[in-house]
Amino acid sequence: MFERLPQGVREVNRRHFIRSISVLPFSLFSAPAQPSLTPTRKFTLCQNSSGVLISCDILGERIYYLQRDRTSRDYIIGCTAADGNPVWSATLPKGYYTSVAVRGSASVLVHRIGVGVEEYDSKGKRLGVTRVWTNNPFHALVGNLLVAARHDSNIEVLDTATLGRETSQRLSQYRSAIPPAPSQDFLAVEAISERDAVVINKASAAMRRVDVKSGASTAIQWDSPEIKRSLDTYAAKKQEAMASKGITNLNSISLPATGHDSSGSIYCLVSPYKLEAALVLMLSPTGKTMRRIWCVLPNRMQPEYTSPMRIFVSGTILLIIFTGGGVAAYSLTTGV
């Protein structure tokens, strides 16, 4: 019998499928002038092969993650060092969870549908819960504010300063002017300062810088010809599918994985790509292309490396996180 999940859970748990079909087995771009970066190390976050990564965050040299076991249907939060060594993990109480974020104090915030935001300490011990009435997954922690981007172009903001001291909270809501997306899974939020975030529509590649404290926002005009070619390619594929098979609901993701660094630069993996030469763009906060980073991705036949979903940059190390929980690390001291 199929399990009927709440709407928010259905969206975040179909990431594995959406990202798999959005990648074509070829590249739009000519071969890089210099060899692509190969992983300096690979490891996995999920506890077993039936785990699906729902959400992850990074603080210092540690990765915090939320996974769902497809067999037991349990949700697990955990922490793994950037060198791949597990630090701790804990099975969450029965329920449906959408996202995880970590604060500077190393407390872990987990959104549970129908309950609110639960807080755990750095060892996985539950500290408390604040009721928040939303099914939308939170995408990022910007300063003290949890930010959720909605598919209807609104963003929701929750102040974490009073978590644990108030039994319930109301969300602030702003309109971000990002083009509507089929679901929240097509959106990313990158925290580039203590109060500014870049909201990215990964299907249309539209980007907007948002002041999460006031709601003021401005469009970011990227200059990358690679992103333009990606959009044109998927538009042509969609027209072809409509003309030949009458398919009208084909959705593709031009930027399947995004991230940022401490200076506010934005990183985007551009689809379609070849495993031996996947392009990660480094963009300035205004959208200017600052660097092209070519990476060799792990074999997609390995279930933990099926589809890229997140990018983290810590110093000179770039991490690409995959939906199966796989992590590939690259050194940025070499390359184009």
C-alpha atoms as a PDB file:
ATOM      1  CA  MET A   1       0.000   0.000   0.000  1.00  0.00           C
ATOM      2  CA  PHE A   2       1.272   3.468  -0.857  1.00  0.00           C
ATOM      3  CA  GLU A   3       1.944   5.925   1.951  1.00  0.00           C
ATOM      4  CA  ARG A   4      -0.023   9.152   1.662  1.00  0.00           C
ATOM      5  CA  LEU A   5       2.221  12.038   2.631  1.00  0.00           C
ATOM      6  CA  PRO A   6       1.406  15.676   3.439  1.00  0.00           C
ATOM      7  CA  GLN A   7       1.895  18.114   0.552  1.00  0.00           C
ATOM      8  CA  GLY A   8       5.158  19.596   1.834  1.00  0.00           C
ATOM      9  CA  VAL A   9       6.653  16.142   2.296  1.00  0.00           C
ATOM     10  CA  ARG A  10       5.620  14.998  -1.173  1.00  0.00           C
ATOM     11  CA  GLU A  11       7.512  17.938  -2.642  1.00  0.00           C
ATOM     12  CA  VAL A  12      10.781  17.469  -0.781  1.00  0.00           C
ATOM     13  CA  ASN A  13      10.758  13.672  -1.141  1.00  0.00           C
ATOM     14  CA  ARG A  14      10.458  13.731  -4.923  1.00  0.00           C
ATOM     15  CA  ARG A  15      13.793  15.547  -5.348  1.00  0.00           C
ATOM     16  CA  HIS A  16      15.558  12.322  -6.276  1.00  0.00           C
ATOM     17  CA  PHE A  17      13.179  11.791  -9.213  1.00  0.00           C
ATOM     18  CA  ILE A  18      13.001  15.399 -10.407  1.00  0.00           C
ATOM     19  CA  ARG A  19      16.745  15.920 -10.456  1.00  0.00           C
ATOM     20  CA  SER A  20      17.394  12.603 -12.190  1.00  0.00           C
ATOM     21  CA  ILE A  21      15.168  13.381 -15.177  1.00  0.00           C
ATOM     22  CA  SER A  22      16.371  16.982 -15.492  1.00  0.00           C
ATOM     23  CA  VAL A  23      19.932  16.021 -16.485  1.00  0.00           C
ATOM     24  CA  LEU A  24      20.656  15.129 -20.088  1.00  0.00           C
ATOM     25  CA  PRO A  25      23.562  12.770 -20.934  1.00  0.00           C
ATOM     26  CA  PHE A  26      25.590  15.389 -22.802  1.00  0.00           C
ATOM     27  CA  SER A  27      27.184  18.783 -22.283  1.00  0.00           C
ATOM     28  CA  LEU A  28      26.385  22.075 -23.988  1.00  0.00           C
ATOM     29  CA  PHE A  29      29.897  23.377 -23.509  1.00  0.00           C
ATOM     30  CA  SER A  30      33.214  22.808 -25.214  1.00  0.00           C
ATOM     31  CA  ALA A  31      35.874  20.931 -23.305  1.00  0.00           C
ATOM     32  CA  PRO A  32      37.704  23.054 -20.717  1.00  0.00           C
ATOM     33  CA  ALA A  33      41.161  24.382 -21.578  1.00  0.00           C
ATOM     34  CA  GLN A  34      42.551  22.745 -18.429  1.00  0.00           C
ATOM     35  CA  PRO A  35      41.747  19.312 -16.949  1.00  0.00           C
ATOM     36  CA  SER A  36      38.651  19.091 -14.780  1.00  0.00           C
ATOM     37  CA  LEU A  37      39.088  18.842 -11.027  1.00  0.00           C
ATOM     38  CA  THR A  38      38.869  15.310  -9.677  1.00  0.00           C
ATOM     39  CA  PRO A  39      37.484  14.620  -6.188  1.00  0.00           C
ATOM     40  CA  THR A  40      40.107  14.664  -3.463  1.00  0.00           C
ATOM     41  CA  ARG A  41      37.793  12.454  -1.423  1.00  0.00           C
ATOM     42  CA  LYS A  42      34.301  10.957  -1.534  1.00  0.00           C
ATOM     43  CA  PHE A  43      32.030   9.836   1.284  1.00  0.00           C
ATOM     44  CA  THR A  44      28.364   9.453   2.125  1.00  0.00           C
ATOM     45  CA  LEU A  45      26.126  11.127   4.703  1.00  0.00           C
ATOM     46  CA  CYS A  46      23.212   8.668   4.679  1.00  0.00           C
ATOM     47  CA  GLN A  47      23.314   5.752   7.073  1.00  0.00           C
ATOM     48  CA  ASN A  48      22.403   3.122   4.459  1.00  0.00           C
ATOM     49  CA  SER A  49      21.618   2.673   0.780  1.00  0.00           C
ATOM     50  CA  SER A  50      17.872   3.209   1.325  1.00  0.00           C
ATOM     51  CA  GLY A  51      18.404   6.735   2.671  1.00  0.00           C
ATOM     52  CA  VAL A  52      17.376   9.832   0.726  1.00  0.00           C
ATOM     53  CA  LEU A  53      18.877  13.167   1.661  1.00  0.00           C
ATOM     54  CA  ILE A  54      16.141  15.714   2.365  1.00  0.00           C
ATOM     55  CA  SER A  55      18.155  18.740   3.502  1.00  0.00           C
ATOM     56  CA  CYS A  56      21.637  19.670   4.697  1.00  0.00           C
ATOM     57  CA  ASP A  57      23.592  22.597   6.133  1.00  0.00           C
ATOM     58  CA  ILE A  58      27.206  23.297   7.062  1.00  0.00           C
ATOM     59  CA  LEU A  59      28.912  25.007   9.990  1.00  0.00           C
ATOM     60  CA  GLY A  60      32.683  25.227  10.040  1.00  0.00           C
ATOM     61  CA  GLU A  61      34.099  21.817   9.168  1.00  0.00           C
ATOM     62  CA  ARG A  62      30.900  19.861   9.848  1.00  0.00           C
ATOM     63  CA  ILE A  63      27.937  18.938   7.663  1.00  0.00           C
ATOM     64  CA  TYR A  64      24.509  18.583   9.276  1.00  0.00           C
ATOM     65  CA  TYR A  65      21.878  16.607   7.408  1.00  0.00           C
ATOM     66  CA  LEU A  66      18.293  15.350   7.427  1.00  0.00           C
ATOM     67  CA  GLN A  67      17.594  12.042   5.685  1.00  0.00           C
ATOM     68  CA  ARG A  68      14.610   9.750   5.240  1.00  0.00           C
ATOM     69  CA  ASP A  69      14.934   5.993   5.157  1.00  0.00           C
ATOM     70  CA  ARG A  70      12.700   4.697   2.381  1.00  0.00           C
ATOM     71  CA  THR A  71      12.419   1.268   4.024  1.00  0.00           C
ATOM     72  CA  SER A  72      11.680   2.129   7.653  1.00  0.00           C
ATOM     73  CA  ARG A  73      10.263   5.590   6.800  1.00  0.00           C
ATOM     74  CA  ASP A  74      12.264   7.000   9.710  1.00  0.00           C
ATOM     75  CA  TYR A  75      13.806  10.457   9.605  1.00  0.00           C
ATOM     76  CA  ILE A  76      17.380  10.832  10.839  1.00  0.00           C
ATOM     77  CA  ILE A  77      19.430  13.916  11.628  1.00  0.00           C
ATOM     78  CA  GLY A  78      23.162  13.700  11.893  1.00  0.00           C
ATOM     79  CA  CYS A  79      26.515  15.388  11.708  1.00  0.00           C
ATOM     80  CA  THR A  80      29.550  14.366   9.650  1.00  0.00           C
ATOM     81  CA  ALA A  81      32.964  16.006   9.589  1.00  0.00           C
ATOM     82  CA  ALA A  82      34.120  17.466   6.276  1.00  0.00           C
ATOM     83  CA  ASP A  83      36.686  14.656   6.041  1.00  0.00           C
ATOM     84  CA  GLY A  84      33.856  12.102   5.972  1.00  0.00           C
ATOM     85  CA  ASN A  85      34.051  10.853   9.553  1.00  0.00           C
ATOM     86  CA  PRO A  86      30.598  10.513  11.222  1.00  0.00           C
ATOM     87  CA  VAL A  87      30.212  12.590  14.412  1.00  0.00           C
ATOM     88  CA  TRP A  88      26.697  11.709  15.583  1.00  0.00           C
ATOM     89  CA  SER A  89      23.227  10.798  14.350  1.00  0.00           C
ATOM     90  CA  ALA A  90      19.782  10.469  15.917  1.00  0.00           C
ATOM     91  CA  THR A  91      16.459   9.013  14.760  1.00  0.00           C
ATOM     92  CA  LEU A  92      13.701  11.610  15.031  1.00  0.00           C
ATOM     93  CA  PRO A  93      10.266  10.990  16.594  1.00  0.00           C
ATOM     94  CA  LYS A  94       7.625   9.742  14.157  1.00  0.00           C
ATOM     95  CA  GLY A  95       6.406  12.524  11.901  1.00  0.00           C
ATOM     96  CA  TYR A  96       7.148  14.317   8.638  1.00  0.00           C
ATOM     97  CA  TYR A  97      10.185  16.594   8.388  1.00  0.00           C
ATOM     98  CA  THR A  98      11.183  18.966   5.593  1.00  0.00           C
ATOM     99  CA  SER A  99      14.434  20.785   6.384  1.00  0.00           C
ATOM    100  CA  VAL A 100      17.391  21.266   8.703  1.00  0.00           C
ATOM    101  CA  ALA A 101      19.509  24.329   9.563  1.00  0.00           C
ATOM    102  CA  VAL A 102      22.328  24.853  12.041  1.00  0.00           C
ATOM    103  CA  ARG A 103      22.995  27.991  14.103  1.00  0.00           C
ATOM    104  CA  GLY A 104      26.328  29.429  15.192  1.00  0.00           C
ATOM    105  CA  SER A 105      25.843  27.877  18.618  1.00  0.00           C
ATOM    106  CA  ALA A 106      25.771  24.498  16.822  1.00  0.00           C
ATOM    107  CA  SER A 107      22.119  23.946  17.724  1.00  0.00           C
ATOM    108  CA  VAL A 108      20.256  22.128  14.973  1.00  0.00           C
ATOM    109  CA  LEU A 109      16.818  23.360  13.844  1.00  0.00           C
ATOM    110  CA  VAL A 110      14.474  20.872  12.178  1.00  0.00           C
ATOM    111  CA  HIS A 111      11.088  21.727  10.661  1.00  0.00           C
ATOM    112  CA  ARG A 112       8.370  19.149  11.407  1.00  0.00           C
ATOM    113  CA  ILE A 113       5.075  19.465   9.552  1.00  0.00           C
ATOM    114  CA  GLY A 114       2.113  19.985  11.866  1.00  0.00           C
ATOM    115  CA  VAL A 115       4.381  20.634  14.861  1.00  0.00           C
ATOM    116  CA  GLY A 116       6.826  23.464  14.145  1.00  0.00           C
ATOM    117  CA  VAL A 117      10.565  24.003  14.519  1.00  0.00           C
ATOM    118  CA  GLU A 118      12.305  21.588  16.856  1.00  0.00           C
ATOM    119  CA  GLU A 119      15.720  22.383  18.303  1.00  0.00           C
ATOM    120  CA  TYR A 120      18.461  19.826  19.020  1.00  0.00           C
ATOM    121  CA  ASP A 121      21.867  20.343  20.622  1.00  0.00           C
ATOM    122  CA  SER A 122      25.189  19.534  18.959  1.00  0.00           C
ATOM    123  CA  LYS A 123      24.909  15.898  20.071  1.00  0.00           C
ATOM    124  CA  GLY A 124      21.371  15.271  18.848  1.00  0.00           C
ATOM    125  CA  LYS A 125      19.505  15.827  22.127  1.00  0.00           C
ATOM    126  CA  ARG A 126      16.083  17.473  21.696  1.00  0.00           C
ATOM    127  CA  LEU A 127      15.923  20.843  23.475  1.00  0.00           C
ATOM    128  CA  GLY A 128      12.426  22.076  22.672  1.00  0.00           C
ATOM    129  CA  VAL A 129       9.884  23.039  20.034  1.00  0.00           C
ATOM    130  CA  THR A 130       8.259  26.246  18.831  1.00  0.00           C
ATOM    131  CA  ARG A 131       4.963  25.851  16.999  1.00  0.00           C
ATOM    132  CA  VAL A 132       4.925  27.324  13.501  1.00  0.00           C
ATOM    133  CA  TRP A 133       1.952  26.718  11.237  1.00  0.00           C
ATOM    134  CA  THR A 134       3.488  26.124   7.814  1.00  0.00           C
ATOM    135  CA  ASN A 135       4.072  23.118   5.568  1.00  0.00           C
ATOM    136  CA  ASN A 136       6.742  24.940   3.558  1.00  0.00           C
ATOM    137  CA  PRO A 137      10.312  23.699   4.027  1.00  0.00           C
ATOM    138  CA  PHE A 138      12.787  26.287   5.252  1.00  0.00           C
ATOM    139  CA  HIS A 139      15.563  26.761   2.701  1.00  0.00           C
ATOM    140  CA  ALA A 140      18.200  28.688   4.663  1.00  0.00           C
ATOM    141  CA  LEU A 141      19.156  30.427   7.873  1.00  0.00           C
ATOM    142  CA  VAL A 142      19.982  34.077   7.148  1.00  0.00           C
ATOM    143  CA  GLY A 143      21.413  35.663  10.267  1.00  0.00           C
ATOM    144  CA  ASN A 144      18.816  34.711  12.892  1.00  0.00           C
ATOM    145  CA  LEU A 145      16.017  34.304  10.359  1.00  0.00           C
ATOM    146  CA  LEU A 146      14.814  31.036   8.870  1.00  0.00           C
ATOM    147  CA  VAL A 147      13.702  31.697   5.291  1.00  0.00           C
ATOM    148  CA  ALA A 148      11.280  29.615   3.234  1.00  0.00           C
ATOM    149  CA  ALA A 149      10.801  30.411  -0.449  1.00  0.00           C
ATOM    150  CA  ARG A 150       7.327  29.510  -1.722  1.00  0.00           C
ATOM    151  CA  HIS A 151       6.354  28.450  -5.224  1.00  0.00           C
ATOM    152  CA  ASP A 152       3.885  31.375  -5.437  1.00  0.00           C
ATOM    153  CA  SER A 153       6.759  33.923  -5.321  1.00  0.00           C
ATOM    154  CA  ASN A 154       6.371  34.734  -1.616  1.00  0.00           C
ATOM    155  CA  ILE A 155       8.970  34.153   1.073  1.00  0.00           C
ATOM    156  CA  GLU A 156       8.224  33.334   4.704  1.00  0.00           C
ATOM    157  CA  VAL A 157      10.554  34.395   7.511  1.00  0.00           C
ATOM    158  CA  LEU A 158      10.792  33.054  11.074  1.00  0.00           C
ATOM    159  CA  ASP A 159      12.858  34.811  13.753  1.00  0.00           C
ATOM    160  CA  THR A 160      14.849  32.142  15.620  1.00  0.00           C
ATOM    161  CA  ALA A 161      15.945  34.506  18.414  1.00  0.00           C
ATOM    162  CA  THR A 162      12.930  33.532  20.520  1.00  0.00           C
ATOM    163  CA  LEU A 163      12.822  29.824  19.669  1.00  0.00           C
ATOM    164  CA  GLY A 164      12.257  27.812  22.831  1.00  0.00           C
ATOM    165  CA  ARG A 165      11.085  30.871  24.764  1.00  0.00           C
ATOM    166  CA  GLU A 166       7.752  31.216  22.957  1.00  0.00           C
ATOM    167  CA  THR A 167       5.289  28.373  22.471  1.00  0.00           C
ATOM    168  CA  SER A 168       4.234  29.608  19.033  1.00  0.00           C
ATOM    169  CA  GLN A 169       5.233  32.175  16.429  1.00  0.00           C
ATOM    170  CA  ARG A 170       3.787  33.913  13.414  1.00  0.00           C
ATOM    171  CA  LEU A 171       5.690  34.037  10.155  1.00  0.00           C
ATOM    172  CA  SER A 172       6.519  37.287   8.389  1.00  0.00           C
ATOM    173  CA  GLN A 173       5.701  37.124   4.690  1.00  0.00           C
ATOM    174  CA  TYR A 174       7.116  39.093   1.748  1.00  0.00           C
ATOM    175  CA  ARG A 175       6.778  38.916  -2.012  1.00  0.00           C
ATOM    176  CA  SER A 176      10.144  38.149  -3.634  1.00  0.00           C
ATOM    177  CA  ALA A 177       9.045  38.657  -7.281  1.00  0.00           C
ATOM    178  CA  ILE A 178      10.801  35.443  -8.345  1.00  0.00           C
ATOM    179  CA  PRO A 179       8.820  33.802 -11.193  1.00  0.00           C
ATOM    180  CA  PRO A 180       6.429  31.144  -9.808  1.00  0.00           C
ATOM    181  CA  ALA A 181       7.851  27.608  -9.658  1.00  0.00           C
ATOM    182  CA  PRO A 182       6.075  24.220  -9.869  1.00  0.00           C
ATOM    183  CA  SER A 183       7.017  23.584  -6.223  1.00  0.00           C
ATOM    184  CA  GLN A 184       9.367  24.749  -3.474  1.00  0.00           C
ATOM    185  CA  ASP A 185      11.815  22.098  -4.644  1.00  0.00           C
ATOM    186  CA  PHE A 186      12.608  24.261  -7.683  1.00  0.00           C
ATOM    187  CA  LEU A 187      13.762  27.114  -5.438  1.00  0.00           C
ATOM    188  CA  ALA A 188      16.990  27.745  -3.527  1.00  0.00           C
ATOM    189  CA  VAL A 189      17.911  30.400  -0.979  1.00  0.00           C
ATOM    190  CA  GLU A 190      21.552  31.368  -0.484  1.00  0.00           C
ATOM    191  CA  ALA A 191      22.487  33.483   2.555  1.00  0.00           C
ATOM    192  CA  ILE A 192      25.104  35.965   1.341  1.00  0.00           C
ATOM    193  CA  SER A 193      25.125  38.237   4.431  1.00  0.00           C
ATOM    194  CA  GLU A 194      23.506  38.573   7.848  1.00  0.00           C
ATOM    195  CA  ARG A 195      20.342  40.009   6.295  1.00  0.00           C
ATOM    196  CA  ASP A 196      20.551  39.410   2.541  1.00  0.00           C
ATOM    197  CA  ALA A 197      19.725  36.242   0.628  1.00  0.00           C
ATOM    198  CA  VAL A 198      19.656  35.348  -3.043  1.00  0.00           C
ATOM    199  CA  VAL A 199      16.485  33.478  -4.037  1.00  0.00           C
ATOM    200  CA  ILE A 200      17.085  31.310  -7.113  1.00  0.00           C
ATOM    201  CA  ASN A 201      14.503  29.706  -9.370  1.00  0.00           C
ATOM    202  CA  LYS A 202      16.473  26.657 -10.510  1.00  0.00           C
ATOM    203  CA  ALA A 203      14.179  26.032 -13.464  1.00  0.00           C
ATOM    204  CA  SER A 204      14.201  29.536 -14.996  1.00  0.00           C
ATOM    205  CA  ALA A 205      17.577  30.590 -13.455  1.00  0.00           C
ATOM    206  CA  ALA A 206      15.935  33.822 -12.263  1.00  0.00           C
ATOM    207  CA  MET A 207      17.744  35.291  -9.259  1.00  0.00           C
ATOM    208  CA  ARG A 208      16.711  37.988  -6.838  1.00  0.00           C
ATOM    209  CA  ARG A 209      18.532  39.530  -3.882  1.00  0.00           C
ATOM    210  CA  VAL A 210      16.186  39.902  -0.916  1.00  0.00           C
ATOM    211  CA  ASP A 211      16.581  41.817   2.339  1.00  0.00           C
ATOM    212  CA  VAL A 212      14.903  39.256   4.604  1.00  0.00           C
ATOM    213  CA  LYS A 213      14.293  41.814   7.358  1.00  0.00           C
ATOM    214  CA  SER A 214      12.373  44.286   5.210  1.00  0.00           C
ATOM    215  CA  GLY A 215      11.321  42.275   2.166  1.00  0.00           C
ATOM    216  CA  ALA A 216      12.964  44.731  -0.255  1.00  0.00           C
ATOM    217  CA  SER A 217      14.413  42.968  -3.283  1.00  0.00           C
ATOM    218  CA  THR A 218      16.266  43.599  -6.547  1.00  0.00           C
ATOM    219  CA  ALA A 219      16.734  41.420  -9.610  1.00  0.00           C
ATOM    220  CA  ILE A 220      20.155  39.924 -10.337  1.00  0.00           C
ATOM    221  CA  GLN A 221      21.118  39.936 -14.018  1.00  0.00           C
ATOM    222  CA  TRP A 222      23.628  37.137 -14.579  1.00  0.00           C
ATOM    223  CA  ASP A 223      25.961  37.370 -17.586  1.00  0.00           C
ATOM    224  CA  SER A 224      26.699  33.667 -18.129  1.00  0.00           C
ATOM    225  CA  PRO A 225      26.286  32.388 -21.714  1.00  0.00           C
ATOM    226  CA  GLU A 226      26.295  28.856 -20.295  1.00  0.00           C
ATOM    227  CA  ILE A 227      23.113  29.486 -18.308  1.00  0.00           C
ATOM    228  CA  LYS A 228      21.504  31.033 -21.395  1.00  0.00           C
ATOM    229  CA  ARG A 229      22.371  27.951 -23.460  1.00  0.00           C
ATOM    230  CA  SER A 230      20.977  25.682 -20.751  1.00  0.00           C
ATOM    231  CA  LEU A 231      17.642  27.519 -20.769  1.00  0.00           C
ATOM    232  CA  ASP A 232      17.470  27.470 -24.566  1.00  0.00           C
ATOM    233  CA  THR A 233      18.231  23.738 -24.675  1.00  0.00           C
ATOM    234  CA  TYR A 234      15.528  22.810 -22.176  1.00  0.00           C
ATOM    235  CA  ALA A 235      13.021  25.114 -23.877  1.00  0.00           C
ATOM    236  CA  ALA A 236      13.673  23.313 -27.167  1.00  0.00           C
ATOM    237  CA  LYS A 237      13.342  19.920 -25.469  1.00  0.00           C
ATOM    238  CA  LYS A 238      10.031  20.975 -23.960  1.00  0.00           C
ATOM    239  CA  GLN A 239       8.680  22.161 -27.330  1.00  0.00           C
ATOM    240  CA  GLU A 240       9.794  18.899 -28.909  1.00  0.00           C
ATOM    241  CA  ALA A 241       8.036  16.874 -26.189  1.00  0.00           C
ATOM    242  CA  MET A 242       4.842  18.899 -26.643  1.00  0.00           C
ATOM    243  CA  ALA A 243       4.899  18.543 -30.421  1.00  0.00           C
ATOM    244  CA  SER A 244       5.740  14.840 -30.618  1.00  0.00           C
ATOM    245  CA  LYS A 245       4.066  13.394 -27.509  1.00  0.00           C
ATOM    246  CA  GLY A 246       1.675  16.072 -26.303  1.00  0.00           C
ATOM    247  CA  ILE A 247       3.527  16.368 -22.975  1.00  0.00           C
ATOM    248  CA  THR A 248       2.709  19.729 -21.379  1.00  0.00           C
ATOM    249  CA  ASN A 249       3.962  19.322 -17.804  1.00  0.00           C
ATOM    250  CA  LEU A 250       7.659  18.661 -18.481  1.00  0.00           C
ATOM    251  CA  ASN A 251       9.783  20.502 -15.937  1.00  0.00           C
ATOM    252  CA  SER A 252      13.559  20.787 -16.093  1.00  0.00           C
ATOM    253  CA  ILE A 253      16.176  22.213 -13.774  1.00  0.00           C
ATOM    254  CA  SER A 254      18.951  24.302 -15.332  1.00  0.00           C
ATOM    255  CA  LEU A 255      20.738  24.840 -12.010  1.00  0.00           C
ATOM    256  CA  PRO A 256      20.305  21.572 -10.055  1.00  0.00           C
ATOM    257  CA  ALA A 257      22.788  22.490  -7.300  1.00  0.00           C
ATOM    258  CA  THR A 258      23.599  25.901  -5.834  1.00  0.00           C
ATOM    259  CA  GLY A 259      25.661  27.270  -2.966  1.00  0.00           C
ATOM    260  CA  HIS A 260      27.544  30.290  -1.654  1.00  0.00           C
ATOM    261  CA  ASP A 261      30.754  31.172   0.160  1.00  0.00           C
ATOM    262  CA  SER A 262      31.606  33.503   3.049  1.00  0.00           C
ATOM    263  CA  SER A 263      32.276  36.426   0.683  1.00  0.00           C
ATOM    264  CA  GLY A 264      28.742  36.314  -0.756  1.00  0.00           C
ATOM    265  CA  SER A 265      29.626  34.692  -4.086  1.00  0.00           C
ATOM    266  CA  ILE A 266      27.052  32.332  -5.615  1.00  0.00           C
ATOM    267  CA  TYR A 267      27.911  28.887  -7.032  1.00  0.00           C
ATOM    268  CA  CYS A 268      25.739  27.097  -9.603  1.00  0.00           C
ATOM    269  CA  LEU A 269      26.152  23.726 -11.278  1.00  0.00           C
ATOM    270  CA  VAL A 270      24.811  24.081 -14.820  1.00  0.00           C
ATOM    271  CA  SER A 271      22.813  21.297 -16.470  1.00  0.00           C
ATOM    272  CA  PRO A 272      23.069  19.422 -18.769  1.00  0.00           C
ATOM    273  CA  TYR A 273      26.591  18.194 -18.156  1.00  0.00           C
ATOM    274  CA  LYS A 274      28.998  15.325 -18.705  1.00  0.00           C
ATOM    275  CA  LEU A 275      30.287  13.444 -15.686  1.00  0.00           C
ATOM    276  CA  GLU A 276      33.868  14.068 -16.798  1.00  0.00           C
ATOM    277  CA  ALA A 277      33.358  17.835 -17.177  1.00  0.00           C
ATOM    278  CA  ALA A 278      30.519  19.337 -15.130  1.00  0.00           C
ATOM    279  CA  LEU A 279      30.545  23.122 -14.987  1.00  0.00           C
ATOM    280  CA  VAL A 280      30.205  24.998 -11.682  1.00  0.00           C
ATOM    281  CA  LEU A 281      29.948  28.762 -12.090  1.00  0.00           C
ATOM    282  CA  MET A 282      31.111  31.198  -9.428  1.00  0.00           C
ATOM    283  CA  LEU A 283      29.034  34.392  -9.677  1.00  0.00           C
ATOM    284  CA  SER A 284      29.395  37.670  -7.835  1.00  0.00           C
ATOM    285  CA  PRO A 285      26.417  38.933  -5.761  1.00  0.00           C
ATOM    286  CA  THR A 286      25.522  41.068  -8.799  1.00  0.00           C
ATOM    287  CA  GLY A 287      25.587  38.112 -11.237  1.00  0.00           C
ATOM    288  CA  LYS A 288      28.978  38.632 -12.888  1.00  0.00           C
ATOM    289  CA  THR A 289      30.808  35.422 -13.801  1.00  0.00           C
ATOM    290  CA  MET A 290      33.978  35.313 -11.696  1.00  0.00           C
ATOM    291  CA  ARG A 291      35.202  31.782 -12.323  1.00  0.00           C
ATOM    292  CA  ARG A 292      34.388  28.588 -14.203  1.00  0.00           C
ATOM    293  CA  ILE A 293      35.170  25.424 -12.277  1.00  0.00           C
ATOM    294  CA  TRP A 294      35.131  22.131 -14.186  1.00  0.00           C
ATOM    295  CA  CYS A 295      34.602  19.039 -12.030  1.00  0.00           C
ATOM    296  CA  VAL A 296      34.644  15.298 -12.618  1.00  0.00           C
ATOM    297  CA  LEU A 297      31.488  13.946 -10.956  1.00  0.00           C
ATOM    298  CA  PRO A 298      31.180  10.437  -9.484  1.00  0.00           C
ATOM    299  CA  ASN A 299      29.509   7.731 -11.546  1.00  0.00           C
ATOM    300  CA  ARG A 300      25.719   8.215 -11.463  1.00  0.00           C
ATOM    301  CA  MET A 301      25.230   4.443 -11.413  1.00  0.00           C
ATOM    302  CA  GLN A 302      26.236   4.568  -7.761  1.00  0.00           C
ATOM    303  CA  PRO A 303      22.932   5.290  -5.939  1.00  0.00           C
ATOM    304  CA  GLU A 304      24.487   7.755  -3.512  1.00  0.00           C
ATOM    305  CA  TYR A 305      25.682   9.938  -6.422  1.00  0.00           C
ATOM    306  CA  THR A 306      22.588   9.993  -8.642  1.00  0.00           C
ATOM    307  CA  SER A 307      21.831  13.725  -8.723  1.00  0.00           C
ATOM    308  CA  PRO A 308      23.611  16.823  -7.363  1.00  0.00           C
ATOM    309  CA  MET A 309      21.482  18.904  -4.976  1.00  0.00           C
ATOM    310  CA  ARG A 310      23.733  21.263  -2.973  1.00  0.00           C
ATOM    311  CA  ILE A 311      27.111  23.012  -3.065  1.00  0.00           C
ATOM    312  CA  PHE A 312      29.134  24.072  -0.036  1.00  0.00           C
ATOM    313  CA  VAL A 313      32.369  26.084  -0.131  1.00  0.00           C
ATOM    314  CA  SER A 314      34.625  26.165   2.906  1.00  0.00           C
ATOM    315  CA  GLY A 315      37.944  27.946   2.359  1.00  0.00           C
ATOM    316  CA  THR A 316      39.597  26.272  -0.623  1.00  0.00           C
ATOM    317  CA  ILE A 317      37.360  23.191  -0.532  1.00  0.00           C
ATOM    318  CA  LEU A 318      34.258  22.815  -2.700  1.00  0.00           C
ATOM    319  CA  LEU A 319      31.750  20.121  -1.720  1.00  0.00           C
ATOM    320  CA  ILE A 320      29.038  18.824  -4.050  1.00  0.00           C
ATOM    321  CA  ILE A 321      26.242  17.010  -2.169  1.00  0.00           C
ATOM    322  CA  PHE A 322      24.011  14.459  -3.929  1.00  0.00           C
ATOM    323  CA  THR A 323      20.443  13.293  -3.261  1.00  0.00           C
ATOM    324  CA  GLY A 324      21.616   9.820  -2.259  1.00  0.00           C
ATOM    325  CA  GLY A 325      23.803  11.340   0.454  1.00  0.00           C
ATOM    326  CA  GLY A 326      27.066  11.160  -1.468  1.00  0.00           C
ATOM    327  CA  VAL A 327      29.624  13.955  -1.084  1.00  0.00           C
ATOM    328  CA  ALA A 328      32.448  14.771  -3.512  1.00  0.00           C
ATOM    329  CA  ALA A 329      35.168  17.182  -2.325  1.00  0.00           C
ATOM    330  CA  TYR A 330      37.361  19.265  -4.640  1.00  0.00           C
ATOM    331  CA  SER A 331      40.345  21.523  -4.041  1.00  0.00           C
ATOM    332  CA  LEU A 332      39.899  25.046  -5.436  1.00  0.00           C
ATOM    333  CA  THR A 333      43.625  25.782  -5.343  1.00  0.00           C
ATOM    334  CA  THR A 334      43.861  24.322  -8.857  1.00  0.00           C
ATOM    335  CA  GLY A 335      41.708  24.544 -11.952  1.00  0.00           C
ATOM    336  CA  VAL A 336      40.402  27.194 -14.293  1.00  0.00           C
END
